[in-house]
C-alpha atoms as a PDB file:
ATOM      1  CA  MET A   1      -7.270 -45.906  -5.765  1.00  0.00           C
ATOM      2  CA  GLU A   2      -7.863 -44.411  -2.315  1.00  0.00           C
ATOM      3  CA  LEU A   3      -9.050 -40.831  -1.978  1.00  0.00           C
ATOM      4  CA  ARG A   4      -5.986 -39.446  -0.225  1.00  0.00           C
ATOM      5  CA  HIS A   5      -3.568 -41.109  -2.655  1.00  0.00           C
ATOM      6  CA  ARG A   6      -5.507 -39.677  -5.557  1.00  0.00           C
ATOM      7  CA  ALA A   7      -5.604 -36.224  -3.927  1.00  0.00           C
ATOM      8  CA  LEU A   8      -1.807 -36.252  -3.769  1.00  0.00           C
ATOM      9  CA  GLN A   9      -1.615 -37.204  -7.445  1.00  0.00           C
ATOM     10  CA  VAL A  10      -3.890 -34.306  -8.386  1.00  0.00           C
ATOM     11  CA  LEU A  11      -1.868 -31.952  -6.182  1.00  0.00           C
ATOM     12  CA  CYS A  12       1.253 -32.884  -8.163  1.00  0.00           C
ATOM     13  CA  LEU A  13      -0.302 -32.050 -11.538  1.00  0.00           C
ATOM     14  CA  ALA A  14       1.372 -28.994 -13.036  1.00  0.00           C
ATOM     15  CA  ASP A  15      -1.048 -28.007 -15.784  1.00  0.00           C
ATOM     16  CA  PRO A  16      -3.721 -25.687 -14.310  1.00  0.00           C
ATOM     17  CA  GLU A  17      -6.588 -26.935 -16.466  1.00  0.00           C
ATOM     18  CA  GLN A  18      -5.697 -30.588 -15.864  1.00  0.00           C
ATOM     19  CA  LYS A  19      -5.528 -29.920 -12.111  1.00  0.00           C
ATOM     20  CA  ALA A  20      -8.881 -28.113 -12.040  1.00  0.00           C
ATOM     21  CA  ALA A  21     -10.566 -30.853 -14.083  1.00  0.00           C
ATOM     22  CA  ALA A  22      -9.018 -33.632 -11.981  1.00  0.00           C
ATOM     23  CA  ALA A  23     -10.041 -31.930  -8.716  1.00  0.00           C
ATOM     24  CA  LEU A  24     -13.640 -31.692  -9.917  1.00  0.00           C
ATOM     25  CA  ASP A  25     -13.587 -35.312 -11.082  1.00  0.00           C
ATOM     26  CA  LEU A  26     -12.156 -36.497  -7.769  1.00  0.00           C
ATOM     27  CA  GLN A  27     -14.754 -34.542  -5.827  1.00  0.00           C
ATOM     28  CA  ALA A  28     -17.491 -36.227  -7.859  1.00  0.00           C
ATOM     29  CA  GLN A  29     -16.053 -39.671  -7.070  1.00  0.00           C
ATOM     30  CA  SER A  30     -14.995 -39.018  -3.478  1.00  0.00           C
ATOM     31  CA  ALA A  31     -18.038 -40.517  -1.766  1.00  0.00           C
ATOM     32  CA  THR A  32     -17.318 -43.888  -3.403  1.00  0.00           C
ATOM     33  CA  LEU A  33     -13.613 -44.072  -2.511  1.00  0.00           C
ATOM     34  CA  SER A  34     -11.974 -45.372   0.656  1.00  0.00           C
ATOM     35  CA  ILE A  35     -10.075 -42.752   2.636  1.00  0.00           C
ATOM     36  CA  ALA A  36      -6.709 -44.507   3.319  1.00  0.00           C
ATOM     37  CA  GLU A  37      -5.511 -45.192   6.835  1.00  0.00           C
ATOM     38  CA  GLN A  38      -1.931 -44.044   6.257  1.00  0.00           C
ATOM     39  CA  SER A  39      -0.740 -40.884   4.559  1.00  0.00           C
ATOM     40  CA  PRO A  40       0.491 -41.415   1.001  1.00  0.00           C
ATOM     41  CA  THR A  41       4.219 -41.067   0.355  1.00  0.00           C
ATOM     42  CA  PRO A  42       5.013 -37.648  -1.110  1.00  0.00           C
ATOM     43  CA  PRO A  43       7.306 -37.395  -4.154  1.00  0.00           C
ATOM     44  CA  SER A  44      11.047 -37.523  -3.447  1.00  0.00           C
ATOM     45  CA  ASP A  45      11.495 -34.293  -5.401  1.00  0.00           C
ATOM     46  CA  ALA A  46      10.207 -31.617  -3.035  1.00  0.00           C
ATOM     47  CA  SER A  47       9.779 -29.159  -5.919  1.00  0.00           C
ATOM     48  CA  ALA A  48       7.019 -31.383  -7.337  1.00  0.00           C
ATOM     49  CA  LEU A  49       4.771 -30.484  -4.422  1.00  0.00           C
ATOM     50  CA  PRO A  50       2.626 -28.726  -5.367  1.00  0.00           C
ATOM     51  CA  GLY A  51       2.642 -29.163  -9.122  1.00  0.00           C
ATOM     52  CA  ARG A  52       2.588 -25.774 -10.785  1.00  0.00           C
ATOM     53  CA  PRO A  53       3.123 -24.468 -14.312  1.00  0.00           C
ATOM     54  CA  GLU A  54       6.276 -22.677 -15.466  1.00  0.00           C
ATOM     55  CA  ARG A  55       4.255 -19.469 -15.570  1.00  0.00           C
ATOM     56  CA  PRO A  56       3.333 -17.282 -13.763  1.00  0.00           C
ATOM     57  CA  GLU A  57       6.709 -16.120 -12.539  1.00  0.00           C
ATOM     58  CA  LEU A  58       6.655 -16.205  -8.730  1.00  0.00           C
ATOM     59  CA  LEU A  59       7.964 -13.137  -6.911  1.00  0.00           C
ATOM     60  CA  ARG A  60       8.052 -11.953  -3.332  1.00  0.00           C
ATOM     61  CA  HIS A  61       4.758 -10.516  -2.197  1.00  0.00           C
ATOM     62  CA  THR A  62       6.206  -6.995  -2.045  1.00  0.00           C
ATOM     63  CA  ASP A  63       7.540  -7.244  -5.616  1.00  0.00           C
ATOM     64  CA  VAL A  64       4.218  -8.027  -7.299  1.00  0.00           C
ATOM     65  CA  ALA A  65       2.886  -5.000  -9.183  1.00  0.00           C
ATOM     66  CA  ARG A  66      -0.446  -3.501  -8.201  1.00  0.00           C
ATOM     67  CA  ARG A  67      -2.430  -1.602 -10.796  1.00  0.00           C
ATOM     68  CA  SER A  68      -5.579   0.463 -10.674  1.00  0.00           C
ATOM     69  CA  PRO A  69      -8.667  -1.354 -11.982  1.00  0.00           C
ATOM     70  CA  ALA A  70      -9.494   1.852 -13.851  1.00  0.00           C
ATOM     71  CA  THR A  71      -7.554   0.552 -16.890  1.00  0.00           C
ATOM     72  CA  PRO A  72      -8.079  -2.683 -18.866  1.00  0.00           C
ATOM     73  CA  GLN A  73      -4.508  -3.756 -18.064  1.00  0.00           C
ATOM     74  CA  GLY A  74      -5.008  -2.998 -14.390  1.00  0.00           C
ATOM     75  CA  ARG A  75      -8.210  -5.048 -14.282  1.00  0.00           C
ATOM     76  CA  ALA A  76      -6.453  -7.950 -15.982  1.00  0.00           C
ATOM     77  CA  ILE A  77      -3.660  -7.859 -13.380  1.00  0.00           C
ATOM     78  CA  LEU A  78      -6.242  -7.770 -10.592  1.00  0.00           C
ATOM     79  CA  ILE A  79      -8.233 -10.730 -11.955  1.00  0.00           C
ATOM     80  CA  HIS A  80      -4.991 -12.622 -12.588  1.00  0.00           C
ATOM     81  CA  ALA A  81      -3.985 -12.129  -8.948  1.00  0.00           C
ATOM     82  CA  ILE A  82      -7.327 -13.511  -7.756  1.00  0.00           C
ATOM     83  CA  ALA A  83      -7.080 -16.432 -10.195  1.00  0.00           C
ATOM     84  CA  HIS A  84      -3.669 -17.249  -8.732  1.00  0.00           C
ATOM     85  CA  ILE A  85      -5.148 -17.254  -5.229  1.00  0.00           C
ATOM     86  CA  GLU A  86      -7.875 -19.646  -6.393  1.00  0.00           C
ATOM     87  CA  PHE A  87      -5.329 -21.920  -8.088  1.00  0.00           C
ATOM     88  CA  ASN A  88      -3.366 -22.038  -4.848  1.00  0.00           C
ATOM     89  CA  ALA A  89      -6.578 -22.709  -2.949  1.00  0.00           C
ATOM     90  CA  ILE A  90      -7.095 -25.904  -5.000  1.00  0.00           C
ATOM     91  CA  ASN A  91      -3.647 -26.986  -3.823  1.00  0.00           C
ATOM     92  CA  LEU A  92      -4.366 -26.059  -0.199  1.00  0.00           C
ATOM     93  CA  ALA A  93      -7.571 -28.102  -0.108  1.00  0.00           C
ATOM     94  CA  LEU A  94      -5.942 -31.137  -1.748  1.00  0.00           C
ATOM     95  CA  ASP A  95      -3.039 -30.900   0.693  1.00  0.00           C
ATOM     96  CA  ALA A  96      -5.471 -30.898   3.624  1.00  0.00           C
ATOM     97  CA  VAL A  97      -6.943 -34.137   2.233  1.00  0.00           C
ATOM     98  CA  TRP A  98      -3.805 -36.164   1.604  1.00  0.00           C
ATOM     99  CA  ARG A  99      -1.520 -34.959   4.388  1.00  0.00           C
ATOM    100  CA  PHE A 100      -3.337 -35.527   7.664  1.00  0.00           C
ATOM    101  CA  ASP A 101      -4.190 -38.915   9.203  1.00  0.00           C
ATOM    102  CA  GLY A 102      -6.857 -39.891  11.675  1.00  0.00           C
ATOM    103  CA  MET A 103      -9.651 -37.479  10.824  1.00  0.00           C
ATOM    104  CA  PRO A 104     -13.336 -38.365  10.349  1.00  0.00           C
ATOM    105  CA  ARG A 105     -14.516 -39.123   6.836  1.00  0.00           C
ATOM    106  CA  SER A 106     -16.520 -35.881   6.869  1.00  0.00           C
ATOM    107  CA  TYR A 107     -13.248 -33.925   7.195  1.00  0.00           C
ATOM    108  CA  TYR A 108     -11.953 -35.345   3.912  1.00  0.00           C
ATOM    109  CA  ALA A 109     -15.349 -34.848   2.254  1.00  0.00           C
ATOM    110  CA  ASP A 110     -15.378 -31.196   3.360  1.00  0.00           C
ATOM    111  CA  TRP A 111     -11.964 -30.457   1.901  1.00  0.00           C
ATOM    112  CA  MET A 112     -12.757 -32.251  -1.352  1.00  0.00           C
ATOM    113  CA  LEU A 113     -15.836 -30.027  -1.622  1.00  0.00           C
ATOM    114  CA  VAL A 114     -13.573 -27.017  -1.155  1.00  0.00           C
ATOM    115  CA  ALA A 115     -11.114 -28.304  -3.788  1.00  0.00           C
ATOM    116  CA  GLY A 116     -13.924 -28.678  -6.313  1.00  0.00           C
ATOM    117  CA  GLU A 117     -15.355 -25.236  -5.662  1.00  0.00           C
ATOM    118  CA  GLU A 118     -11.917 -23.603  -5.860  1.00  0.00           C
ATOM    119  CA  ALA A 119     -11.414 -25.339  -9.216  1.00  0.00           C
ATOM    120  CA  ARG A 120     -14.676 -23.835 -10.456  1.00  0.00           C
ATOM    121  CA  HIS A 121     -13.600 -20.393  -9.250  1.00  0.00           C
ATOM    122  CA  PHE A 122     -10.271 -20.710 -11.046  1.00  0.00           C
ATOM    123  CA  ARG A 123     -11.988 -21.685 -14.283  1.00  0.00           C
ATOM    124  CA  LEU A 124     -14.428 -18.756 -14.063  1.00  0.00           C
ATOM    125  CA  LEU A 125     -11.583 -16.292 -13.564  1.00  0.00           C
ATOM    126  CA  ARG A 126      -9.397 -17.845 -16.243  1.00  0.00           C
ATOM    127  CA  ASP A 127     -12.249 -17.757 -18.758  1.00  0.00           C
ATOM    128  CA  HIS A 128     -12.798 -14.091 -17.885  1.00  0.00           C
ATOM    129  CA  LEU A 129      -9.101 -13.330 -18.414  1.00  0.00           C
ATOM    130  CA  ARG A 130      -9.200 -15.070 -21.784  1.00  0.00           C
ATOM    131  CA  SER A 131     -12.243 -13.048 -22.798  1.00  0.00           C
ATOM    132  CA  GLN A 132     -10.090  -9.934 -22.256  1.00  0.00           C
ATOM    133  CA  GLY A 133      -7.143 -11.212 -24.336  1.00  0.00           C
ATOM    134  CA  HIS A 134      -5.046 -12.534 -21.440  1.00  0.00           C
ATOM    135  CA  ASP A 135      -4.477 -15.860 -19.711  1.00  0.00           C
ATOM    136  CA  TYR A 136      -3.317 -17.281 -16.404  1.00  0.00           C
ATOM    137  CA  GLY A 137       0.459 -16.979 -16.307  1.00  0.00           C
ATOM    138  CA  ASP A 138       0.661 -13.684 -18.188  1.00  0.00           C
ATOM    139  CA  PHE A 139       1.572 -11.667 -15.064  1.00  0.00           C
ATOM    140  CA  PRO A 140       3.854 -12.356 -12.073  1.00  0.00           C
ATOM    141  CA  ALA A 141       2.308 -13.687  -8.859  1.00  0.00           C
ATOM    142  CA  HIS A 142       3.329 -14.540  -5.300  1.00  0.00           C
ATOM    143  CA  GLN A 143       3.272 -17.740  -3.270  1.00  0.00           C
ATOM    144  CA  GLY A 144       2.240 -16.534   0.190  1.00  0.00           C
ATOM    145  CA  LEU A 145      -0.595 -19.000   0.700  1.00  0.00           C
ATOM    146  CA  TRP A 146       1.565 -22.037  -0.007  1.00  0.00           C
ATOM    147  CA  THR A 147       4.317 -20.755   2.286  1.00  0.00           C
ATOM    148  CA  MET A 148       1.959 -20.992   5.277  1.00  0.00           C
ATOM    149  CA  CYS A 149       0.868 -24.404   4.047  1.00  0.00           C
ATOM    150  CA  GLU A 150       4.495 -25.577   4.278  1.00  0.00           C
ATOM    151  CA  LYS A 151       4.989 -24.028   7.711  1.00  0.00           C
ATOM    152  CA  THR A 152       1.977 -25.908   9.106  1.00  0.00           C
ATOM    153  CA  GLN A 153       2.545 -29.244   7.354  1.00  0.00           C
ATOM    154  CA  HIS A 154       3.198 -31.112  10.625  1.00  0.00           C
ATOM    155  CA  ASP A 155       0.381 -29.534  12.664  1.00  0.00           C
ATOM    156  CA  ILE A 156      -3.205 -29.930  11.493  1.00  0.00           C
ATOM    157  CA  LEU A 157      -4.499 -27.639  14.233  1.00  0.00           C
ATOM    158  CA  ALA A 158      -2.194 -24.852  13.081  1.00  0.00           C
ATOM    159  CA  ARG A 159      -3.179 -25.535   9.461  1.00  0.00           C
ATOM    160  CA  MET A 160      -6.877 -25.118  10.200  1.00  0.00           C
ATOM    161  CA  ALA A 161      -6.197 -22.000  12.279  1.00  0.00           C
ATOM    162  CA  LEU A 162      -3.859 -20.191   9.922  1.00  0.00           C
ATOM    163  CA  VAL A 163      -4.841 -21.139   6.376  1.00  0.00           C
ATOM    164  CA  PRO A 164      -8.658 -21.211   6.034  1.00  0.00           C
ATOM    165  CA  ARG A 165      -9.614 -19.053   9.017  1.00  0.00           C
ATOM    166  CA  THR A 166      -6.748 -16.556   8.661  1.00  0.00           C
ATOM    167  CA  LEU A 167      -5.335 -16.257   5.142  1.00  0.00           C
ATOM    168  CA  GLU A 168      -8.420 -17.348   3.216  1.00  0.00           C
ATOM    169  CA  ALA A 169     -10.695 -15.369   5.536  1.00  0.00           C
ATOM    170  CA  ARG A 170      -8.924 -12.228   4.331  1.00  0.00           C
ATOM    171  CA  GLY A 171     -10.823 -12.735   1.084  1.00  0.00           C
ATOM    172  CA  LEU A 172     -14.084 -12.186   2.953  1.00  0.00           C
ATOM    173  CA  ASP A 173     -12.822  -8.721   3.884  1.00  0.00           C
ATOM    174  CA  ALA A 174     -11.132  -7.824   0.598  1.00  0.00           C
ATOM    175  CA  THR A 175     -13.725  -8.991  -1.936  1.00  0.00           C
ATOM    176  CA  PRO A 176     -16.434  -6.377  -1.232  1.00  0.00           C
ATOM    177  CA  GLN A 177     -13.821  -3.624  -1.495  1.00  0.00           C
ATOM    178  CA  ILE A 178     -12.618  -4.969  -4.845  1.00  0.00           C
ATOM    179  CA  GLN A 179     -16.201  -5.225  -6.067  1.00  0.00           C
ATOM    180  CA  ALA A 180     -16.888  -1.614  -5.094  1.00  0.00           C
ATOM    181  CA  LYS A 181     -13.914  -0.438  -7.175  1.00  0.00           C
ATOM    182  CA  LEU A 182     -15.032  -2.510 -10.162  1.00  0.00           C
ATOM    183  CA  ARG A 183     -18.577  -1.165  -9.921  1.00  0.00           C
ATOM    184  CA  GLN A 184     -17.155   2.359  -9.996  1.00  0.00           C
ATOM    185  CA  VAL A 185     -15.371   1.510 -13.241  1.00  0.00           C
ATOM    186  CA  GLY A 186     -18.691   0.252 -14.616  1.00  0.00           C
ATOM    187  CA  THR A 187     -17.462  -1.276 -17.891  1.00  0.00           C
ATOM    188  CA  PRO A 188     -19.017  -4.581 -19.045  1.00  0.00           C
ATOM    189  CA  ASP A 189     -15.891  -6.555 -18.188  1.00  0.00           C
ATOM    190  CA  ALA A 190     -15.657  -4.936 -14.742  1.00  0.00           C
ATOM    191  CA  LEU A 191     -19.297  -5.734 -13.966  1.00  0.00           C
ATOM    192  CA  ALA A 192     -18.836  -9.297 -15.216  1.00  0.00           C
ATOM    193  CA  ALA A 193     -15.950  -9.625 -12.762  1.00  0.00           C
ATOM    194  CA  VAL A 194     -18.218  -8.361  -9.953  1.00  0.00           C
ATOM    195  CA  GLY A 195     -20.621 -11.203 -10.739  1.00  0.00           C
ATOM    196  CA  ILE A 196     -17.840 -13.798 -10.590  1.00  0.00           C
ATOM    197  CA  LEU A 197     -16.701 -12.388  -7.262  1.00  0.00           C
ATOM    198  CA  ASP A 198     -20.269 -12.718  -5.930  1.00  0.00           C
ATOM    199  CA  ILE A 199     -20.022 -16.479  -6.536  1.00  0.00           C
ATOM    200  CA  ILE A 200     -16.569 -16.683  -4.990  1.00  0.00           C
ATOM    201  CA  LEU A 201     -17.545 -14.698  -1.885  1.00  0.00           C
ATOM    202  CA  ARG A 202     -20.613 -16.872  -1.312  1.00  0.00           C
ATOM    203  CA  ASP A 203     -18.567 -20.072  -1.539  1.00  0.00           C
ATOM    204  CA  GLU A 204     -15.649 -18.725   0.487  1.00  0.00           C
ATOM    205  CA  VAL A 205     -17.902 -18.079   3.457  1.00  0.00           C
ATOM    206  CA  GLY A 206     -18.548 -21.821   3.425  1.00  0.00           C
ATOM    207  CA  HIS A 207     -14.858 -22.643   3.069  1.00  0.00           C
ATOM    208  CA  VAL A 208     -13.906 -20.493   6.045  1.00  0.00           C
ATOM    209  CA  ALA A 209     -16.778 -22.052   7.999  1.00  0.00           C
ATOM    210  CA  ILE A 210     -15.280 -25.485   7.283  1.00  0.00           C
ATOM    211  CA  GLY A 211     -11.932 -24.256   8.617  1.00  0.00           C
ATOM    212  CA  ASN A 212     -13.610 -22.855  11.717  1.00  0.00           C
ATOM    213  CA  HIS A 213     -15.500 -26.096  12.317  1.00  0.00           C
ATOM    214  CA  TRP A 214     -12.449 -28.327  12.128  1.00  0.00           C
ATOM    215  CA  TYR A 215     -10.292 -25.891  14.086  1.00  0.00           C
ATOM    216  CA  ARG A 216     -12.754 -25.972  16.971  1.00  0.00           C
ATOM    217  CA  TRP A 217     -13.199 -29.737  16.635  1.00  0.00           C
ATOM    218  CA  LEU A 218      -9.430 -30.210  16.941  1.00  0.00           C
ATOM    219  CA  CYS A 219      -9.191 -27.770  19.848  1.00  0.00           C
ATOM    220  CA  GLU A 220     -11.843 -29.757  21.698  1.00  0.00           C
ATOM    221  CA  ARG A 221     -10.018 -33.009  20.953  1.00  0.00           C
ATOM    222  CA  GLN A 222      -6.751 -31.550  22.250  1.00  0.00           C
ATOM    223  CA  GLY A 223      -8.357 -29.826  25.241  1.00  0.00           C
ATOM    224  CA  VAL A 224      -7.351 -26.260  24.375  1.00  0.00           C
ATOM    225  CA  ASP A 225      -9.416 -23.078  24.316  1.00  0.00           C
ATOM    226  CA  PRO A 226      -9.868 -22.095  20.640  1.00  0.00           C
ATOM    227  CA  GLU A 227      -9.833 -18.346  21.205  1.00  0.00           C
ATOM    228  CA  ILE A 228      -6.752 -18.325  23.456  1.00  0.00           C
ATOM    229  CA  HIS A 229      -4.866 -20.911  21.406  1.00  0.00           C
ATOM    230  CA  TYR A 230      -5.423 -18.997  18.172  1.00  0.00           C
ATOM    231  CA  GLY A 231      -3.346 -16.069  19.428  1.00  0.00           C
ATOM    232  CA  THR A 232      -0.595 -18.496  20.433  1.00  0.00           C
ATOM    233  CA  LEU A 233      -0.519 -20.026  16.949  1.00  0.00           C
ATOM    234  CA  VAL A 234      -0.475 -16.617  15.258  1.00  0.00           C
ATOM    235  CA  LYS A 235       2.695 -15.737  17.178  1.00  0.00           C
ATOM    236  CA  GLN A 236       4.309 -19.170  16.866  1.00  0.00           C
ATOM    237  CA  TYR A 237       3.924 -19.320  13.070  1.00  0.00           C
ATOM    238  CA  GLU A 238       4.312 -15.584  12.448  1.00  0.00           C
ATOM    239  CA  ALA A 239       1.009 -15.305  10.630  1.00  0.00           C
ATOM    240  CA  PRO A 240       0.387 -12.038   8.767  1.00  0.00           C
ATOM    241  CA  ARG A 241      -1.310  -9.325  10.750  1.00  0.00           C
ATOM    242  CA  LEU A 242      -4.895  -8.844   9.595  1.00  0.00           C
ATOM    243  CA  LYS A 243      -5.974  -5.267   9.008  1.00  0.00           C
ATOM    244  CA  PRO A 244      -9.439  -3.678   9.062  1.00  0.00           C
ATOM    245  CA  PRO A 245     -11.966  -3.108   7.688  1.00  0.00           C
ATOM    246  CA  PHE A 246     -13.378  -6.554   8.408  1.00  0.00           C
ATOM    247  CA  ASN A 247     -16.468  -7.994   6.759  1.00  0.00           C
ATOM    248  CA  GLU A 248     -18.128  -8.804  10.066  1.00  0.00           C
ATOM    249  CA  ALA A 249     -21.356 -10.077   8.508  1.00  0.00           C
ATOM    250  CA  ALA A 250     -19.524 -12.601   6.343  1.00  0.00           C
ATOM    251  CA  ARG A 251     -17.196 -13.588   9.177  1.00  0.00           C
ATOM    252  CA  ARG A 252     -20.159 -14.224  11.477  1.00  0.00           C
ATOM    253  CA  LYS A 253     -21.744 -16.415   8.776  1.00  0.00           C
ATOM    254  CA  ALA A 254     -18.451 -18.305   8.617  1.00  0.00           C
ATOM    255  CA  GLY A 255     -18.577 -18.976  12.365  1.00  0.00           C
ATOM    256  CA  PHE A 256     -16.423 -16.293  13.964  1.00  0.00           C
ATOM    257  CA  THR A 257     -17.594 -15.303  17.446  1.00  0.00           C
ATOM    258  CA  ASP A 258     -18.071 -11.771  18.774  1.00  0.00           C
ATOM    259  CA  ASN A 259     -14.981 -12.266  20.962  1.00  0.00           C
ATOM    260  CA  GLU A 260     -12.905 -13.253  17.936  1.00  0.00           C
ATOM    261  CA  LEU A 261     -14.092 -10.241  15.975  1.00  0.00           C
ATOM    262  CA  ARG A 262     -13.225  -7.930  18.881  1.00  0.00           C
ATOM    263  CA  TRP A 263      -9.773  -9.539  19.088  1.00  0.00           C
ATOM    264  CA  LEU A 264      -9.204  -8.838  15.390  1.00  0.00           C
ATOM    265  CA  GLN A 265      -9.988  -5.169  15.916  1.00  0.00           C
ATOM    266  CA  GLN A 266      -7.395  -4.952  18.698  1.00  0.00           C
ATOM    267  CA  ILE A 267      -4.368  -6.646  17.099  1.00  0.00           C
END
């Protein structure tokens, strides 16, 4: 079984625990598998891609409830929302592996690394939810990350620009703010969540760096200026507007330039 064919199979799995386990297993085997010259054939039923469980109920982004982390229920909703992002991030990484032809082997290895780390994040958050009497699927969620994945399915340059280095990079900005609120709460479960978010933030810097690397690699291959072309792609695909404050230290670690950080402050 070739790596990209197997990545598509894992992407189609609906059960969250099976998907997380299979992503980790595939990452462990990936160095021994051939890549596949041609993209695998996706399932004829479009609703099977990506595989997802019956729950959580998916709502529009504006319809998903937000609760204060000051209450146990509010903290559960918050952790559930982050777990849903991490579950979607497994799908995004697997999609980057199976969908796009003609990339170096290191590209596929990078995105399998991301898939495995996102699976670990999801498991950490799900275990935390369970320790508080809840589980993944107990609260509604939204599907914003996958929507951009669909919009960029025919353009790998746009995918690298607008998923890892735009949507996922928002986590670099949001996570420290969430951690500060949880530290203020100060309960054992809130502080345990802060520790999990430390792991996620550390790994996500690397994930965004991978997106930055391959975005610039593709820009060089296509002969376009990465900083100018990014603004073009944001408009073309109607990417969400990013709002300050920005975690400039983390973004610099992830490979954003001073010019790019200034541009973010001006949009």
